[in-house]
């Protein structure tokens, strides 16, 4: 498997989960402004931290994001070298 294909596969598998984490993180920026109730805030925090679902999925998502970034940088640098 090429680096580009590996990067694409990992990104496609984890993108829905990373998108959910990003969206809940953006919404949580207003948690101290009383935009939503305490119950909603607790629910969003649980979603954002992946307390709902698998226990260690947040760590897996963090590692996947690091892997996606590193492989993306490698692909970009490889492309610059060939020019």
PDB file of N, CA and C in Angstrom:
ATOM      1  N   UNK A   1       0.849  -1.175   0.000  1.00  0.00           N
ATOM      2  CA  UNK A   1       0.000   0.000   0.000  1.00  0.00           C
ATOM      3  C   UNK A   1       0.897   1.242   0.000  1.00  0.00           C
ATOM      4  N   UNK A   2       0.602   2.161  -0.884  1.00  0.00           N
ATOM      5  CA  UNK A   2       1.393   3.379  -0.963  1.00  0.00           C
ATOM      6  C   UNK A   2       1.043   4.303   0.202  1.00  0.00           C
ATOM      7  N   UNK A   3       1.932   5.244   0.465  1.00  0.00           N
ATOM      8  CA  UNK A   3       1.711   6.208   1.543  1.00  0.00           C
ATOM      9  C   UNK A   3       0.452   7.019   1.288  1.00  0.00           C
ATOM     10  N   UNK A   4       0.256   7.428   0.047  1.00  0.00           N
ATOM     11  CA  UNK A   4      -0.932   8.222  -0.298  1.00  0.00           C
ATOM     12  C   UNK A   4      -2.223   7.429  -0.070  1.00  0.00           C
ATOM     13  N   UNK A   5      -2.224   6.151  -0.446  1.00  0.00           N
ATOM     14  CA  UNK A   5      -3.415   5.321  -0.257  1.00  0.00           C
ATOM     15  C   UNK A   5      -3.657   5.065   1.229  1.00  0.00           C
ATOM     16  N   UNK A   6      -2.596   4.843   1.999  1.00  0.00           N
ATOM     17  CA  UNK A   6      -2.723   4.650   3.436  1.00  0.00           C
ATOM     18  C   UNK A   6      -3.304   5.899   4.092  1.00  0.00           C
ATOM     19  N   UNK A   7      -2.780   7.065   3.717  1.00  0.00           N
ATOM     20  CA  UNK A   7      -3.263   8.344   4.236  1.00  0.00           C
ATOM     21  C   UNK A   7      -4.754   8.524   3.932  1.00  0.00           C
ATOM     22  N   UNK A   8      -5.130   8.255   2.710  1.00  0.00           N
ATOM     23  CA  UNK A   8      -6.523   8.402   2.286  1.00  0.00           C
ATOM     24  C   UNK A   8      -7.440   7.436   3.029  1.00  0.00           C
ATOM     25  N   UNK A   9      -7.009   6.192   3.200  1.00  0.00           N
ATOM     26  CA  UNK A   9      -7.825   5.191   3.888  1.00  0.00           C
ATOM     27  C   UNK A   9      -8.046   5.565   5.344  1.00  0.00           C
ATOM     28  N   UNK A  10      -6.977   5.936   6.033  1.00  0.00           N
ATOM     29  CA  UNK A  10      -7.104   6.331   7.443  1.00  0.00           C
ATOM     30  C   UNK A  10      -8.001   7.560   7.569  1.00  0.00           C
ATOM     31  N   UNK A  11      -7.819   8.536   6.694  1.00  0.00           N
ATOM     32  CA  UNK A  11      -8.627   9.753   6.731  1.00  0.00           C
ATOM     33  C   UNK A  11     -10.107   9.450   6.482  1.00  0.00           C
ATOM     34  N   UNK A  12     -10.397   8.584   5.531  1.00  0.00           N
ATOM     35  CA  UNK A  12     -11.799   8.255   5.240  1.00  0.00           C
ATOM     36  C   UNK A  12     -12.451   7.489   6.388  1.00  0.00           C
ATOM     37  N   UNK A  13     -11.720   6.608   7.020  1.00  0.00           N
ATOM     38  CA  UNK A  13     -12.278   5.823   8.123  1.00  0.00           C
ATOM     39  C   UNK A  13     -12.581   6.713   9.325  1.00  0.00           C
ATOM     40  N   UNK A  14     -11.673   7.605   9.660  1.00  0.00           N
ATOM     41  CA  UNK A  14     -11.811   8.377  10.888  1.00  0.00           C
ATOM     42  C   UNK A  14     -12.475   9.737  10.709  1.00  0.00           C
ATOM     43  N   UNK A  15     -12.690  10.193   9.484  1.00  0.00           N
ATOM     44  CA  UNK A  15     -13.241  11.533   9.266  1.00  0.00           C
ATOM     45  C   UNK A  15     -14.612  11.768   9.912  1.00  0.00           C
ATOM     46  N   UNK A  16     -15.557  10.828   9.899  1.00  0.00           N
ATOM     47  CA  UNK A  16     -16.835  11.110  10.564  1.00  0.00           C
ATOM     48  C   UNK A  16     -16.674  11.347  12.073  1.00  0.00           C
ATOM     49  N   UNK A  17     -15.801  10.594  12.703  1.00  0.00           N
ATOM     50  CA  UNK A  17     -15.584  10.733  14.142  1.00  0.00           C
ATOM     51  C   UNK A  17     -14.857  12.037  14.467  1.00  0.00           C
ATOM     52  N   UNK A  18     -13.872  12.386  13.635  1.00  0.00           N
ATOM     53  CA  UNK A  18     -13.158  13.641  13.833  1.00  0.00           C
ATOM     54  C   UNK A  18     -14.069  14.836  13.578  1.00  0.00           C
ATOM     55  N   UNK A  19     -14.973  14.706  12.626  1.00  0.00           N
ATOM     56  CA  UNK A  19     -15.936  15.768  12.343  1.00  0.00           C
ATOM     57  C   UNK A  19     -16.862  15.984  13.536  1.00  0.00           C
ATOM     58  N   UNK A  20     -17.353  14.912  14.136  1.00  0.00           N
ATOM     59  CA  UNK A  20     -18.216  15.022  15.310  1.00  0.00           C
ATOM     60  C   UNK A  20     -17.465  15.685  16.464  1.00  0.00           C
ATOM     61  N   UNK A  21     -16.223  15.307  16.670  1.00  0.00           N
ATOM     62  CA  UNK A  21     -15.418  15.901  17.732  1.00  0.00           C
ATOM     63  C   UNK A  21     -15.200  17.390  17.470  1.00  0.00           C
ATOM     64  N   UNK A  22     -14.957  17.750  16.226  1.00  0.00           N
ATOM     65  CA  UNK A  22     -14.755  19.163  15.876  1.00  0.00           C
ATOM     66  C   UNK A  22     -16.022  19.977  16.095  1.00  0.00           C
ATOM     67  N   UNK A  23     -17.146  19.455  15.668  1.00  0.00           N
ATOM     68  CA  UNK A  23     -18.415  20.175  15.806  1.00  0.00           C
ATOM     69  C   UNK A  23     -18.773  20.383  17.272  1.00  0.00           C
ATOM     70  N   UNK A  24     -18.646  19.319  18.090  1.00  0.00           N
ATOM     71  CA  UNK A  24     -18.960  19.473  19.514  1.00  0.00           C
ATOM     72  C   UNK A  24     -17.972  20.424  20.185  1.00  0.00           C
ATOM     73  N   UNK A  25     -16.714  20.412  19.750  1.00  0.00           N
ATOM     74  CA  UNK A  25     -15.734  21.349  20.303  1.00  0.00           C
ATOM     75  C   UNK A  25     -16.096  22.791  19.998  1.00  0.00           C
ATOM     76  N   UNK A  26     -16.547  23.038  18.784  1.00  0.00           N
ATOM     77  CA  UNK A  26     -16.963  24.393  18.407  1.00  0.00           C
ATOM     78  C   UNK A  26     -18.162  24.834  19.231  1.00  0.00           C
ATOM     79  N   UNK A  27     -19.135  23.960  19.393  1.00  0.00           N
ATOM     80  CA  UNK A  27     -20.322  24.299  20.183  1.00  0.00           C
ATOM     81  C   UNK A  27     -19.949  24.549  21.640  1.00  0.00           C
ATOM     82  N   UNK A  28     -19.006  23.770  22.163  1.00  0.00           N
ATOM     83  CA  UNK A  28     -18.601  23.924  23.562  1.00  0.00           C
ATOM     84  C   UNK A  28     -17.837  25.221  23.835  1.00  0.00           C
ATOM     85  N   UNK A  29     -17.405  25.920  22.794  1.00  0.00           N
ATOM     86  CA  UNK A  29     -16.762  27.215  23.009  1.00  0.00           C
ATOM     87  C   UNK A  29     -17.696  28.198  23.712  1.00  0.00           C
ATOM     88  N   UNK A  30     -18.999  27.999  23.589  1.00  0.00           N
ATOM     89  CA  UNK A  30     -19.994  28.877  24.205  1.00  0.00           C
ATOM     90  C   UNK A  30     -20.589  28.286  25.483  1.00  0.00           C
ATOM     91  N   UNK A  31     -19.933  27.332  26.098  1.00  0.00           N
ATOM     92  CA  UNK A  31     -20.504  26.671  27.279  1.00  0.00           C
ATOM     93  C   UNK A  31     -20.645  27.599  28.481  1.00  0.00           C
ATOM     94  N   UNK A  32     -19.865  28.649  28.579  1.00  0.00           N
ATOM     95  CA  UNK A  32     -19.948  29.563  29.722  1.00  0.00           C
ATOM     96  C   UNK A  32     -20.863  30.754  29.452  1.00  0.00           C
ATOM     97  N   UNK A  33     -21.441  30.826  28.262  1.00  0.00           N
ATOM     98  CA  UNK A  33     -22.294  31.957  27.895  1.00  0.00           C
ATOM     99  C   UNK A  33     -23.780  31.671  28.072  1.00  0.00           C
ATOM    100  N   UNK A  34     -24.127  30.574  28.707  1.00  0.00           N
ATOM    101  CA  UNK A  34     -25.529  30.187  28.941  1.00  0.00           C
ATOM    102  C   UNK A  34     -26.351  30.137  27.660  1.00  0.00           C
ATOM    103  N   UNK A  35     -25.754  29.649  26.590  1.00  0.00           N
ATOM    104  CA  UNK A  35     -26.452  29.509  25.315  1.00  0.00           C
ATOM    105  C   UNK A  35     -27.365  28.282  25.354  1.00  0.00           C
ATOM    106  N   UNK A  36     -26.971  27.283  26.117  1.00  0.00           N
ATOM    107  CA  UNK A  36     -27.764  26.055  26.238  1.00  0.00           C
ATOM    108  C   UNK A  36     -27.739  25.594  27.680  1.00  0.00           C
ATOM    109  N   UNK A  37     -28.621  24.635  27.991  1.00  0.00           N
ATOM    110  CA  UNK A  37     -28.795  24.190  29.373  1.00  0.00           C
ATOM    111  C   UNK A  37     -27.605  23.366  29.867  1.00  0.00           C
ATOM    112  N   UNK A  38     -27.553  23.168  31.179  1.00  0.00           N
ATOM    113  CA  UNK A  38     -26.482  22.380  31.785  1.00  0.00           C
ATOM    114  C   UNK A  38     -26.539  20.934  31.310  1.00  0.00           C
ATOM    115  N   UNK A  39     -27.753  20.404  31.121  1.00  0.00           N
ATOM    116  CA  UNK A  39     -27.898  19.032  30.623  1.00  0.00           C
ATOM    117  C   UNK A  39     -27.326  18.892  29.225  1.00  0.00           C
ATOM    118  N   UNK A  40     -27.605  19.895  28.369  1.00  0.00           N
ATOM    119  CA  UNK A  40     -27.064  19.885  27.013  1.00  0.00           C
ATOM    120  C   UNK A  40     -25.547  19.986  27.049  1.00  0.00           C
ATOM    121  N   UNK A  41     -25.032  20.850  27.921  1.00  0.00           N
ATOM    122  CA  UNK A  41     -23.585  21.001  28.058  1.00  0.00           C
ATOM    123  C   UNK A  41     -22.948  19.680  28.484  1.00  0.00           C
ATOM    124  N   UNK A  42     -23.530  19.019  29.461  1.00  0.00           N
ATOM    125  CA  UNK A  42     -22.982  17.736  29.919  1.00  0.00           C
ATOM    126  C   UNK A  42     -23.027  16.683  28.810  1.00  0.00           C
ATOM    127  N   UNK A  43     -24.096  16.691  28.028  1.00  0.00           N
ATOM    128  CA  UNK A  43     -24.213  15.760  26.911  1.00  0.00           C
ATOM    129  C   UNK A  43     -23.136  16.045  25.859  1.00  0.00           C
ATOM    130  N   UNK A  44     -22.949  17.332  25.526  1.00  0.00           N
ATOM    131  CA  UNK A  44     -21.935  17.706  24.537  1.00  0.00           C
ATOM    132  C   UNK A  44     -20.528  17.354  25.013  1.00  0.00           C
ATOM    133  N   UNK A  45     -20.258  17.570  26.286  1.00  0.00           N
ATOM    134  CA  UNK A  45     -18.952  17.214  26.835  1.00  0.00           C
ATOM    135  C   UNK A  45     -18.740  15.707  26.747  1.00  0.00           C
ATOM    136  N   UNK A  46     -19.778  14.940  27.052  1.00  0.00           N
ATOM    137  CA  UNK A  46     -19.687  13.484  26.941  1.00  0.00           C
ATOM    138  C   UNK A  46     -19.415  13.031  25.516  1.00  0.00           C
ATOM    139  N   UNK A  47     -20.078  13.669  24.563  1.00  0.00           N
ATOM    140  CA  UNK A  47     -19.832  13.348  23.148  1.00  0.00           C
ATOM    141  C   UNK A  47     -18.429  13.752  22.725  1.00  0.00           C
ATOM    142  N   UNK A  48     -18.048  14.951  23.103  1.00  0.00           N
ATOM    143  CA  UNK A  48     -16.747  15.476  22.700  1.00  0.00           C
ATOM    144  C   UNK A  48     -15.598  14.646  23.271  1.00  0.00           C
ATOM    145  N   UNK A  49     -15.737  14.213  24.499  1.00  0.00           N
ATOM    146  CA  UNK A  49     -14.694  13.420  25.154  1.00  0.00           C
ATOM    147  C   UNK A  49     -14.837  11.930  24.895  1.00  0.00           C
ATOM    148  N   UNK A  50     -15.836  11.558  24.132  1.00  0.00           N
ATOM    149  CA  UNK A  50     -16.115  10.160  23.792  1.00  0.00           C
ATOM    150  C   UNK A  50     -16.374   9.305  25.034  1.00  0.00           C
ATOM    151  N   UNK A  51     -17.068   9.898  26.033  1.00  0.00           N
ATOM    152  CA  UNK A  51     -17.480   9.133  27.197  1.00  0.00           C
ATOM    153  C   UNK A  51     -18.660   8.231  26.843  1.00  0.00           C
ATOM    154  N   UNK A  52     -19.399   8.607  25.796  1.00  0.00           N
ATOM    155  CA  UNK A  52     -20.481   7.764  25.293  1.00  0.00           C
ATOM    156  C   UNK A  52     -19.896   6.921  24.166  1.00  0.00           C
ATOM    157  N   UNK A  53     -20.140   5.652  24.206  1.00  0.00           N
ATOM    158  CA  UNK A  53     -19.561   4.770  23.188  1.00  0.00           C
ATOM    159  C   UNK A  53     -18.384   4.023  23.762  1.00  0.00           C
ATOM    160  N   UNK A  54     -17.360   3.867  22.985  1.00  0.00           N
ATOM    161  CA  UNK A  54     -16.179   3.116  23.411  1.00  0.00           C
ATOM    162  C   UNK A  54     -15.319   3.975  24.337  1.00  0.00           C
ATOM    163  N   UNK A  55     -14.741   3.340  25.344  1.00  0.00           N
ATOM    164  CA  UNK A  55     -14.019   4.064  26.384  1.00  0.00           C
ATOM    165  C   UNK A  55     -12.761   4.764  25.881  1.00  0.00           C
ATOM    166  N   UNK A  56     -12.015   4.148  25.024  1.00  0.00           N
ATOM    167  CA  UNK A  56     -10.737   4.717  24.591  1.00  0.00           C
ATOM    168  C   UNK A  56     -10.757   5.245  23.162  1.00  0.00           C
ATOM    169  N   UNK A  57     -11.938   5.491  22.629  1.00  0.00           N
ATOM    170  CA  UNK A  57     -12.016   5.935  21.233  1.00  0.00           C
ATOM    171  C   UNK A  57     -11.408   7.332  21.046  1.00  0.00           C
ATOM    172  N   UNK A  58     -11.483   8.171  22.069  1.00  0.00           N
ATOM    173  CA  UNK A  58     -10.884   9.496  21.976  1.00  0.00           C
ATOM    174  C   UNK A  58      -9.382   9.415  21.746  1.00  0.00           C
ATOM    175  N   UNK A  59      -8.722   8.507  22.441  1.00  0.00           N
ATOM    176  CA  UNK A  59      -7.280   8.318  22.250  1.00  0.00           C
ATOM    177  C   UNK A  59      -6.993   7.800  20.849  1.00  0.00           C
ATOM    178  N   UNK A  60      -7.809   6.878  20.372  1.00  0.00           N
ATOM    179  CA  UNK A  60      -7.631   6.337  19.021  1.00  0.00           C
ATOM    180  C   UNK A  60      -7.813   7.444  17.981  1.00  0.00           C
ATOM    181  N   UNK A  61      -8.783   8.322  18.206  1.00  0.00           N
ATOM    182  CA  UNK A  61      -9.006   9.428  17.265  1.00  0.00           C
ATOM    183  C   UNK A  61      -7.842  10.410  17.278  1.00  0.00           C
ATOM    184  N   UNK A  62      -7.313  10.676  18.455  1.00  0.00           N
ATOM    185  CA  UNK A  62      -6.154  11.560  18.540  1.00  0.00           C
ATOM    186  C   UNK A  62      -4.962  10.991  17.800  1.00  0.00           C
ATOM    187  N   UNK A  63      -4.722   9.702  17.985  1.00  0.00           N
ATOM    188  CA  UNK A  63      -3.613   9.045  17.290  1.00  0.00           C
ATOM    189  C   UNK A  63      -3.848   9.021  15.780  1.00  0.00           C
ATOM    190  N   UNK A  64      -5.093   8.783  15.376  1.00  0.00           N
ATOM    191  CA  UNK A  64      -5.410   8.780  13.945  1.00  0.00           C
ATOM    192  C   UNK A  64      -5.171  10.156  13.336  1.00  0.00           C
ATOM    193  N   UNK A  65      -5.548  11.198  14.052  1.00  0.00           N
ATOM    194  CA  UNK A  65      -5.335  12.549  13.536  1.00  0.00           C
ATOM    195  C   UNK A  65      -3.843  12.850  13.403  1.00  0.00           C
ATOM    196  N   UNK A  66      -3.054  12.444  14.390  1.00  0.00           N
ATOM    197  CA  UNK A  66      -1.601  12.618  14.306  1.00  0.00           C
ATOM    198  C   UNK A  66      -1.053  11.878  13.092  1.00  0.00           C
ATOM    199  N   UNK A  67      -1.520  10.650  12.884  1.00  0.00           N
ATOM    200  CA  UNK A  67      -1.068   9.839  11.752  1.00  0.00           C
ATOM    201  C   UNK A  67      -1.441  10.494  10.421  1.00  0.00           C
ATOM    202  N   UNK A  68      -2.655  11.021  10.344  1.00  0.00           N
ATOM    203  CA  UNK A  68      -3.101  11.691   9.120  1.00  0.00           C
ATOM    204  C   UNK A  68      -2.239  12.920   8.834  1.00  0.00           C
ATOM    205  N   UNK A  69      -1.951  13.695   9.868  1.00  0.00           N
ATOM    206  CA  UNK A  69      -1.133  14.896   9.686  1.00  0.00           C
ATOM    207  C   UNK A  69       0.288  14.525   9.260  1.00  0.00           C
ATOM    208  N   UNK A  70       0.889  13.554   9.936  1.00  0.00           N
ATOM    209  CA  UNK A  70       2.266  13.161   9.607  1.00  0.00           C
ATOM    210  C   UNK A  70       2.359  12.623   8.181  1.00  0.00           C
ATOM    211  N   UNK A  71       1.438  11.734   7.808  1.00  0.00           N
ATOM    212  CA  UNK A  71       1.489  11.191   6.450  1.00  0.00           C
ATOM    213  C   UNK A  71       1.198  12.273   5.412  1.00  0.00           C
ATOM    214  N   UNK A  72       0.322  13.222   5.736  1.00  0.00           N
ATOM    215  CA  UNK A  72       0.054  14.337   4.826  1.00  0.00           C
ATOM    216  C   UNK A  72       1.284  15.196   4.608  1.00  0.00           C
ATOM    217  N   UNK A  73       2.021  15.458   5.689  1.00  0.00           N
ATOM    218  CA  UNK A  73       3.265  16.227   5.571  1.00  0.00           C
ATOM    219  C   UNK A  73       4.281  15.453   4.738  1.00  0.00           C
ATOM    220  N   UNK A  74       4.378  14.160   4.967  1.00  0.00           N
ATOM    221  CA  UNK A  74       5.320  13.340   4.195  1.00  0.00           C
ATOM    222  C   UNK A  74       4.978  13.366   2.706  1.00  0.00           C
ATOM    223  N   UNK A  75       3.694  13.274   2.393  1.00  0.00           N
ATOM    224  CA  UNK A  75       3.260  13.320   0.995  1.00  0.00           C
ATOM    225  C   UNK A  75       3.592  14.682   0.382  1.00  0.00           C
ATOM    226  N   UNK A  76       3.335  15.750   1.137  1.00  0.00           N
ATOM    227  CA  UNK A  76       3.615  17.096   0.631  1.00  0.00           C
ATOM    228  C   UNK A  76       5.111  17.300   0.395  1.00  0.00           C
ATOM    229  N   UNK A  77       5.928  16.840   1.326  1.00  0.00           N
ATOM    230  CA  UNK A  77       7.374  16.990   1.170  1.00  0.00           C
ATOM    231  C   UNK A  77       7.902  16.144   0.021  1.00  0.00           C
ATOM    232  N   UNK A  78       7.351  14.962  -0.137  1.00  0.00           N
ATOM    233  CA  UNK A  78       7.763  14.095  -1.232  1.00  0.00           C
ATOM    234  C   UNK A  78       7.433  14.746  -2.579  1.00  0.00           C
ATOM    235  N   UNK A  79       6.292  15.396  -2.663  1.00  0.00           N
ATOM    236  CA  UNK A  79       5.893  16.071  -3.883  1.00  0.00           C
ATOM    237  C   UNK A  79       6.816  17.235  -4.210  1.00  0.00           C
ATOM    238  N   UNK A  80       7.262  17.967  -3.193  1.00  0.00           N
ATOM    239  CA  UNK A  80       8.176  19.098  -3.412  1.00  0.00           C
ATOM    240  C   UNK A  80       9.544  18.644  -3.869  1.00  0.00           C
ATOM    241  N   UNK A  81      10.004  17.492  -3.390  1.00  0.00           N
ATOM    242  CA  UNK A  81      11.311  16.975  -3.766  1.00  0.00           C
ATOM    243  C   UNK A  81      11.360  16.601  -5.245  1.00  0.00           C
ATOM    244  N   UNK A  82      10.231  16.110  -5.776  1.00  0.00           N
ATOM    245  CA  UNK A  82      10.224  15.656  -7.186  1.00  0.00           C
ATOM    246  C   UNK A  82      10.136  16.821  -8.160  1.00  0.00           C
ATOM    247  N   UNK A  83       9.794  18.018  -7.694  1.00  0.00           N
ATOM    248  CA  UNK A  83       9.677  19.183  -8.588  1.00  0.00           C
ATOM    249  C   UNK A  83      11.007  19.769  -8.918  1.00  0.00           C
TER     250      UNK A  83
END
